[in-house]
Amino acid sequence: MYALIGVTGYDLPTLAALTIPQLHWLMRGQGQILYPRLRPQLDANWAHMDKDGVAKILRGRAAEPPPPTREERDRAEAYRIAHAFYLPSTPAAGTTLVPKAEPIGGLPVATARAVMAFAEAGGFPENVWADDVAPLWHQIQATAAQGT
């Protein structure tokens, strides 16, 4: 976030005053905002990339990490047991950390589905999304799911 100061016109007090959805919106374009400033360095670094480096990047993209070994799983479990006092409790099987959203009373299912489609198409301005829609998003989804 500090890299955006001076590039976007935002200063630290302005960034500190933004809401979380506004920060997410700002950070979503971070790479595109910084690219013109960083392009000479990125191009200089890329000029030294050889054929083996390119192949390594392409191989890494498609490869999935290997599953943990029995020893790694045991070590992680022992860590959780030894440090249980400091770690957050894990929910019991079948429970969730987020309570189930209740449908919005009086909101027609068709309207909830239309709001979801409009949101998925990117129709809401960022301030409307952050202020009006995002706080009710889970309830809107629950309302839209009623007809299924």
N, C-alpha and C. Protein backbone atom coordinates (compact mmCIF):
# COMPACT_ATOMS: atom_id res chain seq x y z
N MET A 1 0.83 -1.18 0.00
CA MET A 1 0.00 0.00 0.00
C MET A 1 0.87 1.25 0.00
N TYR A 2 2.01 1.16 0.70
CA TYR A 2 2.89 2.32 0.73
C TYR A 2 3.42 2.65 -0.66
N ALA A 3 3.53 1.65 -1.54
CA ALA A 3 4.02 1.89 -2.89
C ALA A 3 3.04 2.76 -3.69
N LEU A 4 1.77 2.78 -3.28
CA LEU A 4 0.78 3.57 -4.01
C LEU A 4 0.86 5.06 -3.69
N ILE A 5 1.47 5.39 -2.57
CA ILE A 5 1.58 6.80 -2.19
C ILE A 5 2.51 7.49 -3.18
N GLY A 6 2.08 8.60 -3.71
CA GLY A 6 2.88 9.31 -4.68
C GLY A 6 2.60 8.88 -6.10
N VAL A 7 2.05 7.70 -6.30
CA VAL A 7 1.71 7.23 -7.65
C VAL A 7 0.25 7.56 -7.94
N THR A 8 -0.59 7.32 -6.96
CA THR A 8 -2.03 7.49 -7.16
C THR A 8 -2.55 8.84 -6.71
N GLY A 9 -1.75 9.60 -6.00
CA GLY A 9 -2.23 10.86 -5.45
C GLY A 9 -2.77 10.70 -4.05
N TYR A 10 -2.81 9.47 -3.53
CA TYR A 10 -3.25 9.24 -2.17
C TYR A 10 -2.07 9.45 -1.23
N ASP A 11 -2.34 10.07 -0.09
CA ASP A 11 -1.32 10.17 0.95
C ASP A 11 -1.73 9.26 2.10
N LEU A 12 -0.85 9.10 3.10
CA LEU A 12 -1.11 8.15 4.18
C LEU A 12 -2.39 8.47 4.95
N PRO A 13 -2.66 9.72 5.32
CA PRO A 13 -3.93 9.99 6.03
C PRO A 13 -5.17 9.63 5.19
N THR A 14 -5.09 9.87 3.89
CA THR A 14 -6.22 9.53 3.03
C THR A 14 -6.41 8.02 2.97
N LEU A 15 -5.31 7.28 2.83
CA LEU A 15 -5.41 5.82 2.82
C LEU A 15 -5.94 5.29 4.14
N ALA A 16 -5.53 5.89 5.24
CA ALA A 16 -5.98 5.44 6.55
C ALA A 16 -7.47 5.69 6.75
N ALA A 17 -8.03 6.65 6.04
CA ALA A 17 -9.45 6.98 6.19
C ALA A 17 -10.35 6.11 5.32
N LEU A 18 -9.76 5.34 4.39
CA LEU A 18 -10.57 4.52 3.49
C LEU A 18 -11.15 3.31 4.23
N THR A 19 -12.29 2.86 3.76
CA THR A 19 -12.89 1.65 4.31
C THR A 19 -12.21 0.43 3.69
N ILE A 20 -12.43 -0.74 4.26
CA ILE A 20 -11.83 -1.97 3.74
C ILE A 20 -12.25 -2.21 2.29
N PRO A 21 -13.54 -2.10 1.92
CA PRO A 21 -13.89 -2.30 0.50
C PRO A 21 -13.18 -1.29 -0.42
N GLN A 22 -13.02 -0.04 0.04
CA GLN A 22 -12.32 0.94 -0.76
C GLN A 22 -10.85 0.57 -0.92
N LEU A 23 -10.23 0.06 0.15
CA LEU A 23 -8.83 -0.38 0.06
C LEU A 23 -8.69 -1.56 -0.90
N HIS A 24 -9.65 -2.50 -0.83
CA HIS A 24 -9.62 -3.63 -1.76
C HIS A 24 -9.71 -3.14 -3.20
N TRP A 25 -10.58 -2.17 -3.45
CA TRP A 25 -10.72 -1.62 -4.79
C TRP A 25 -9.42 -0.97 -5.23
N LEU A 26 -8.79 -0.23 -4.36
CA LEU A 26 -7.54 0.45 -4.69
C LEU A 26 -6.43 -0.56 -4.93
N MET A 27 -6.34 -1.60 -4.10
CA MET A 27 -5.28 -2.58 -4.23
C MET A 27 -5.49 -3.48 -5.45
N ARG A 28 -6.73 -3.63 -5.90
CA ARG A 28 -7.01 -4.49 -7.05
C ARG A 28 -6.25 -3.99 -8.28
N GLY A 29 -6.07 -2.70 -8.41
CA GLY A 29 -5.36 -2.16 -9.56
C GLY A 29 -3.91 -1.82 -9.29
N GLN A 30 -3.38 -2.28 -8.18
CA GLN A 30 -2.03 -1.89 -7.78
C GLN A 30 -0.99 -2.21 -8.86
N GLY A 31 -1.01 -3.42 -9.39
CA GLY A 31 -0.02 -3.78 -10.39
C GLY A 31 -0.11 -2.90 -11.62
N GLN A 32 -1.32 -2.62 -12.07
CA GLN A 32 -1.49 -1.77 -13.25
C GLN A 32 -1.07 -0.34 -12.96
N ILE A 33 -1.26 0.13 -11.74
CA ILE A 33 -0.87 1.49 -11.39
C ILE A 33 0.64 1.60 -11.34
N LEU A 34 1.31 0.60 -10.79
CA LEU A 34 2.75 0.65 -10.63
C LEU A 34 3.52 0.29 -11.89
N TYR A 35 2.90 -0.40 -12.83
CA TYR A 35 3.61 -0.92 -13.99
C TYR A 35 4.37 0.16 -14.78
N PRO A 36 3.75 1.31 -15.11
CA PRO A 36 4.52 2.30 -15.87
C PRO A 36 5.79 2.75 -15.14
N ARG A 37 5.73 2.88 -13.84
CA ARG A 37 6.89 3.32 -13.08
C ARG A 37 7.94 2.22 -12.98
N LEU A 38 7.52 0.96 -12.88
CA LEU A 38 8.43 -0.15 -12.69
C LEU A 38 8.87 -0.81 -14.00
N ARG A 39 8.26 -0.45 -15.12
CA ARG A 39 8.53 -1.14 -16.38
C ARG A 39 10.01 -1.17 -16.76
N PRO A 40 10.76 -0.07 -16.65
CA PRO A 40 12.19 -0.16 -17.02
C PRO A 40 12.94 -1.22 -16.20
N GLN A 41 12.66 -1.31 -14.91
CA GLN A 41 13.34 -2.30 -14.07
C GLN A 41 12.87 -3.71 -14.41
N LEU A 42 11.57 -3.88 -14.62
CA LEU A 42 11.05 -5.19 -14.99
C LEU A 42 11.64 -5.66 -16.32
N ASP A 43 11.70 -4.75 -17.29
CA ASP A 43 12.27 -5.11 -18.59
C ASP A 43 13.75 -5.45 -18.48
N ALA A 44 14.48 -4.70 -17.65
CA ALA A 44 15.91 -4.99 -17.47
C ALA A 44 16.10 -6.36 -16.82
N ASN A 45 15.28 -6.69 -15.84
CA ASN A 45 15.36 -8.01 -15.21
C ASN A 45 15.01 -9.10 -16.21
N TRP A 46 14.00 -8.87 -17.03
CA TRP A 46 13.54 -9.88 -17.98
C TRP A 46 14.57 -10.11 -19.09
N ALA A 47 15.35 -9.07 -19.41
CA ALA A 47 16.36 -9.21 -20.47
C ALA A 47 17.39 -10.28 -20.12
N HIS A 48 17.61 -10.53 -18.84
CA HIS A 48 18.57 -11.53 -18.39
C HIS A 48 17.96 -12.93 -18.28
N MET A 49 16.68 -13.07 -18.58
CA MET A 49 16.01 -14.36 -18.47
C MET A 49 16.42 -15.24 -19.64
N ASP A 50 16.90 -16.43 -19.34
CA ASP A 50 17.29 -17.36 -20.40
C ASP A 50 16.17 -18.38 -20.65
N LYS A 51 16.39 -19.28 -21.60
CA LYS A 51 15.38 -20.26 -21.98
C LYS A 51 15.03 -21.17 -20.82
N ASP A 52 16.01 -21.55 -19.99
CA ASP A 52 15.75 -22.40 -18.84
C ASP A 52 14.86 -21.69 -17.82
N GLY A 53 15.08 -20.39 -17.63
CA GLY A 53 14.25 -19.62 -16.70
C GLY A 53 12.81 -19.55 -17.14
N VAL A 54 12.61 -19.34 -18.43
CA VAL A 54 11.25 -19.30 -18.98
C VAL A 54 10.57 -20.65 -18.79
N ALA A 55 11.29 -21.73 -19.09
CA ALA A 55 10.72 -23.07 -18.94
C ALA A 55 10.37 -23.35 -17.48
N LYS A 56 11.22 -22.88 -16.56
CA LYS A 56 10.96 -23.09 -15.14
C LYS A 56 9.68 -22.37 -14.70
N ILE A 57 9.48 -21.15 -15.19
CA ILE A 57 8.27 -20.39 -14.84
C ILE A 57 7.04 -21.11 -15.38
N LEU A 58 7.12 -21.56 -16.63
CA LEU A 58 5.97 -22.24 -17.23
C LEU A 58 5.67 -23.56 -16.54
N ARG A 59 6.69 -24.30 -16.14
CA ARG A 59 6.48 -25.55 -15.40
C ARG A 59 5.85 -25.27 -14.04
N GLY A 60 6.30 -24.21 -13.38
CA GLY A 60 5.78 -23.88 -12.06
C GLY A 60 4.33 -23.47 -12.08
N ARG A 61 3.89 -22.92 -13.20
CA ARG A 61 2.49 -22.48 -13.31
C ARG A 61 1.55 -23.67 -13.29
N ALA A 62 1.92 -24.73 -13.99
CA ALA A 62 1.02 -25.86 -14.13
C ALA A 62 1.12 -26.85 -12.98
N ALA A 63 2.22 -26.84 -12.26
CA ALA A 63 2.44 -27.84 -11.21
C ALA A 63 1.66 -27.50 -9.95
N GLU A 64 1.05 -28.51 -9.37
CA GLU A 64 0.39 -28.34 -8.09
C GLU A 64 1.38 -28.77 -7.00
N PRO A 65 1.28 -28.14 -5.84
CA PRO A 65 2.20 -28.56 -4.78
C PRO A 65 1.90 -30.00 -4.38
N PRO A 66 2.93 -30.75 -4.04
CA PRO A 66 2.69 -32.14 -3.63
C PRO A 66 1.93 -32.19 -2.32
N PRO A 67 1.14 -33.22 -2.10
CA PRO A 67 0.42 -33.32 -0.83
C PRO A 67 1.41 -33.49 0.31
N PRO A 68 1.05 -33.02 1.51
CA PRO A 68 1.98 -33.15 2.63
C PRO A 68 2.24 -34.62 2.97
N THR A 69 3.44 -34.88 3.40
CA THR A 69 3.80 -36.24 3.82
C THR A 69 3.20 -36.51 5.19
N ARG A 70 3.22 -37.77 5.57
CA ARG A 70 2.72 -38.16 6.90
C ARG A 70 3.49 -37.42 7.99
N GLU A 71 4.80 -37.31 7.81
CA GLU A 71 5.64 -36.61 8.79
C GLU A 71 5.26 -35.13 8.89
N GLU A 72 4.99 -34.48 7.76
CA GLU A 72 4.60 -33.07 7.77
C GLU A 72 3.24 -32.88 8.45
N ARG A 73 2.29 -33.80 8.17
CA ARG A 73 0.98 -33.72 8.83
C ARG A 73 1.11 -33.91 10.34
N ASP A 74 1.92 -34.90 10.76
CA ASP A 74 2.13 -35.14 12.19
C ASP A 74 2.77 -33.93 12.85
N ARG A 75 3.74 -33.34 12.18
CA ARG A 75 4.43 -32.16 12.74
C ARG A 75 3.46 -30.99 12.90
N ALA A 76 2.60 -30.78 11.90
CA ALA A 76 1.62 -29.70 11.97
C ALA A 76 0.62 -29.95 13.10
N GLU A 77 0.18 -31.19 13.25
CA GLU A 77 -0.76 -31.53 14.33
C GLU A 77 -0.11 -31.34 15.69
N ALA A 78 1.14 -31.76 15.83
CA ALA A 78 1.85 -31.57 17.09
C ALA A 78 2.02 -30.09 17.40
N TYR A 79 2.27 -29.31 16.39
CA TYR A 79 2.39 -27.85 16.58
C TYR A 79 1.08 -27.27 17.11
N ARG A 80 -0.03 -27.68 16.48
CA ARG A 80 -1.34 -27.19 16.93
C ARG A 80 -1.62 -27.59 18.37
N ILE A 81 -1.24 -28.80 18.76
CA ILE A 81 -1.47 -29.26 20.13
C ILE A 81 -0.58 -28.50 21.10
N ALA A 82 0.69 -28.35 20.77
CA ALA A 82 1.64 -27.69 21.67
C ALA A 82 1.34 -26.21 21.84
N HIS A 83 0.79 -25.58 20.82
CA HIS A 83 0.55 -24.13 20.87
C HIS A 83 -0.93 -23.79 20.90
N ALA A 84 -1.75 -24.71 21.34
CA ALA A 84 -3.20 -24.51 21.33
C ALA A 84 -3.64 -23.27 22.12
N PHE A 85 -2.90 -22.95 23.18
CA PHE A 85 -3.26 -21.78 23.98
C PHE A 85 -3.19 -20.49 23.16
N TYR A 86 -2.27 -20.45 22.21
CA TYR A 86 -2.04 -19.23 21.43
C TYR A 86 -2.80 -19.20 20.12
N LEU A 87 -3.26 -20.33 19.65
CA LEU A 87 -3.92 -20.41 18.35
C LEU A 87 -5.43 -20.28 18.52
N PRO A 88 -6.11 -19.76 17.48
CA PRO A 88 -7.57 -19.68 17.57
C PRO A 88 -8.16 -21.09 17.56
N SER A 89 -9.29 -21.22 18.22
CA SER A 89 -9.92 -22.54 18.27
C SER A 89 -10.48 -22.87 16.90
N THR A 90 -10.46 -24.13 16.56
CA THR A 90 -11.02 -24.57 15.29
C THR A 90 -12.47 -24.97 15.52
N PRO A 91 -13.34 -24.67 14.57
CA PRO A 91 -14.74 -25.02 14.77
C PRO A 91 -14.92 -26.54 14.72
N ALA A 92 -15.92 -27.00 15.43
CA ALA A 92 -16.23 -28.43 15.42
C ALA A 92 -16.73 -28.82 14.04
N ALA A 93 -16.65 -30.10 13.74
CA ALA A 93 -17.09 -30.58 12.43
C ALA A 93 -18.56 -30.23 12.22
N GLY A 94 -18.87 -29.72 11.05
CA GLY A 94 -20.25 -29.38 10.72
C GLY A 94 -20.65 -27.98 11.12
N THR A 95 -19.77 -27.24 11.78
CA THR A 95 -20.09 -25.86 12.15
C THR A 95 -19.26 -24.91 11.30
N THR A 96 -19.70 -23.68 11.23
CA THR A 96 -18.98 -22.67 10.47
C THR A 96 -18.71 -21.47 11.37
N LEU A 97 -17.69 -20.70 11.00
CA LEU A 97 -17.37 -19.51 11.77
C LEU A 97 -18.32 -18.36 11.46
N VAL A 98 -18.91 -18.38 10.26
CA VAL A 98 -19.82 -17.32 9.86
C VAL A 98 -21.24 -17.83 10.00
N PRO A 99 -22.08 -17.11 10.74
CA PRO A 99 -23.45 -17.58 10.88
C PRO A 99 -24.17 -17.54 9.53
N LYS A 100 -25.16 -18.41 9.39
CA LYS A 100 -25.92 -18.48 8.15
C LYS A 100 -26.71 -17.19 7.97
N ALA A 101 -26.66 -16.67 6.75
CA ALA A 101 -27.38 -15.43 6.45
C ALA A 101 -28.87 -15.72 6.30
N GLU A 102 -29.67 -14.83 6.81
CA GLU A 102 -31.12 -14.95 6.70
C GLU A 102 -31.60 -14.15 5.49
N PRO A 103 -32.60 -14.64 4.78
CA PRO A 103 -33.14 -13.88 3.64
C PRO A 103 -33.74 -12.56 4.10
N ILE A 104 -33.77 -11.61 3.21
CA ILE A 104 -34.33 -10.29 3.51
C ILE A 104 -35.84 -10.37 3.32
N GLY A 105 -36.57 -10.13 4.39
CA GLY A 105 -38.03 -10.18 4.32
C GLY A 105 -38.57 -9.09 3.41
N GLY A 106 -39.50 -9.44 2.53
CA GLY A 106 -40.12 -8.47 1.63
C GLY A 106 -39.37 -8.27 0.32
N LEU A 107 -38.17 -8.81 0.21
CA LEU A 107 -37.41 -8.70 -1.04
C LEU A 107 -37.76 -9.88 -1.93
N PRO A 108 -38.34 -9.63 -3.10
CA PRO A 108 -38.69 -10.75 -3.98
C PRO A 108 -37.45 -11.49 -4.47
N VAL A 109 -37.60 -12.78 -4.68
CA VAL A 109 -36.49 -13.62 -5.14
C VAL A 109 -35.97 -13.09 -6.48
N ALA A 110 -36.87 -12.71 -7.37
CA ALA A 110 -36.46 -12.21 -8.69
C ALA A 110 -35.61 -10.95 -8.56
N THR A 111 -35.97 -10.08 -7.63
CA THR A 111 -35.20 -8.86 -7.42
C THR A 111 -33.81 -9.18 -6.88
N ALA A 112 -33.74 -10.11 -5.94
CA ALA A 112 -32.45 -10.50 -5.39
C ALA A 112 -31.56 -11.08 -6.49
N ARG A 113 -32.13 -11.90 -7.36
CA ARG A 113 -31.35 -12.47 -8.46
C ARG A 113 -30.91 -11.38 -9.44
N ALA A 114 -31.76 -10.40 -9.67
CA ALA A 114 -31.40 -9.29 -10.57
C ALA A 114 -30.26 -8.46 -9.97
N VAL A 115 -30.30 -8.23 -8.67
CA VAL A 115 -29.22 -7.50 -7.99
C VAL A 115 -27.91 -8.28 -8.12
N MET A 116 -27.98 -9.59 -7.94
CA MET A 116 -26.77 -10.42 -8.06
C MET A 116 -26.23 -10.38 -9.48
N ALA A 117 -27.09 -10.48 -10.47
CA ALA A 117 -26.64 -10.44 -11.87
C ALA A 117 -26.03 -9.08 -12.20
N PHE A 118 -26.64 -8.02 -11.70
CA PHE A 118 -26.13 -6.67 -11.93
C PHE A 118 -24.76 -6.51 -11.28
N ALA A 119 -24.60 -7.05 -10.08
CA ALA A 119 -23.31 -6.97 -9.38
C ALA A 119 -22.24 -7.77 -10.11
N GLU A 120 -22.59 -8.98 -10.56
CA GLU A 120 -21.63 -9.82 -11.27
C GLU A 120 -21.21 -9.21 -12.59
N ALA A 121 -22.07 -8.38 -13.19
CA ALA A 121 -21.74 -7.69 -14.44
C ALA A 121 -20.93 -6.43 -14.18
N GLY A 122 -20.69 -6.12 -12.89
CA GLY A 122 -19.91 -4.93 -12.55
C GLY A 122 -20.69 -3.64 -12.66
N GLY A 123 -21.99 -3.71 -12.50
CA GLY A 123 -22.83 -2.54 -12.69
C GLY A 123 -22.82 -1.52 -11.57
N PHE A 124 -22.44 -1.93 -10.35
CA PHE A 124 -22.48 -1.00 -9.23
C PHE A 124 -21.23 -0.15 -9.18
N PRO A 125 -21.37 1.16 -9.02
CA PRO A 125 -20.19 1.98 -8.74
C PRO A 125 -19.59 1.54 -7.40
N GLU A 126 -18.30 1.74 -7.24
CA GLU A 126 -17.61 1.27 -6.04
C GLU A 126 -18.23 1.80 -4.75
N ASN A 127 -18.62 3.07 -4.72
CA ASN A 127 -19.18 3.63 -3.49
C ASN A 127 -20.55 3.03 -3.17
N VAL A 128 -21.35 2.75 -4.18
CA VAL A 128 -22.66 2.14 -3.95
C VAL A 128 -22.47 0.71 -3.46
N TRP A 129 -21.53 -0.02 -4.09
CA TRP A 129 -21.26 -1.39 -3.67
C TRP A 129 -20.82 -1.41 -2.21
N ALA A 130 -19.83 -0.57 -1.87
CA ALA A 130 -19.27 -0.59 -0.52
C ALA A 130 -20.28 -0.14 0.53
N ASP A 131 -21.05 0.88 0.22
CA ASP A 131 -21.96 1.45 1.23
C ASP A 131 -23.30 0.73 1.34
N ASP A 132 -23.84 0.29 0.20
CA ASP A 132 -25.21 -0.19 0.20
C ASP A 132 -25.37 -1.69 -0.06
N VAL A 133 -24.55 -2.25 -0.94
CA VAL A 133 -24.77 -3.64 -1.35
C VAL A 133 -23.94 -4.62 -0.54
N ALA A 134 -22.65 -4.35 -0.38
CA ALA A 134 -21.75 -5.30 0.30
C ALA A 134 -22.24 -5.68 1.70
N PRO A 135 -22.73 -4.73 2.53
CA PRO A 135 -23.19 -5.14 3.86
C PRO A 135 -24.37 -6.12 3.83
N LEU A 136 -25.12 -6.16 2.74
CA LEU A 136 -26.29 -7.03 2.64
C LEU A 136 -26.08 -8.19 1.68
N TRP A 137 -24.85 -8.36 1.16
CA TRP A 137 -24.61 -9.33 0.10
C TRP A 137 -25.01 -10.75 0.49
N HIS A 138 -24.65 -11.20 1.68
CA HIS A 138 -24.99 -12.57 2.08
C HIS A 138 -26.50 -12.76 2.24
N GLN A 139 -27.19 -11.73 2.71
CA GLN A 139 -28.64 -11.82 2.83
C GLN A 139 -29.30 -11.82 1.43
N ILE A 140 -28.72 -11.06 0.50
CA ILE A 140 -29.23 -11.04 -0.87
C ILE A 140 -29.07 -12.42 -1.50
N GLN A 141 -27.91 -13.05 -1.28
CA GLN A 141 -27.67 -14.39 -1.81
C GLN A 141 -28.66 -15.39 -1.19
N ALA A 142 -28.90 -15.26 0.11
CA ALA A 142 -29.84 -16.16 0.78
C ALA A 142 -31.25 -15.97 0.22
N THR A 143 -31.63 -14.74 -0.07
CA THR A 143 -32.95 -14.47 -0.64
C THR A 143 -33.05 -15.07 -2.03
N ALA A 144 -32.01 -14.90 -2.84
CA ALA A 144 -32.01 -15.43 -4.21
C ALA A 144 -32.06 -16.94 -4.23
N ALA A 145 -31.51 -17.58 -3.22
CA ALA A 145 -31.46 -19.04 -3.16
C ALA A 145 -32.80 -19.65 -2.69
N GLN A 146 -33.71 -18.84 -2.23
CA GLN A 146 -34.99 -19.36 -1.73
C GLN A 146 -35.79 -20.08 -2.79
N GLY A 147 -35.71 -19.62 -4.01
CA GLY A 147 -36.54 -20.22 -5.07
C GLY A 147 -35.95 -21.49 -5.65
N THR A 148 -34.77 -21.89 -5.19
CA THR A 148 -34.16 -23.09 -5.78
C THR A 148 -34.36 -24.30 -4.90
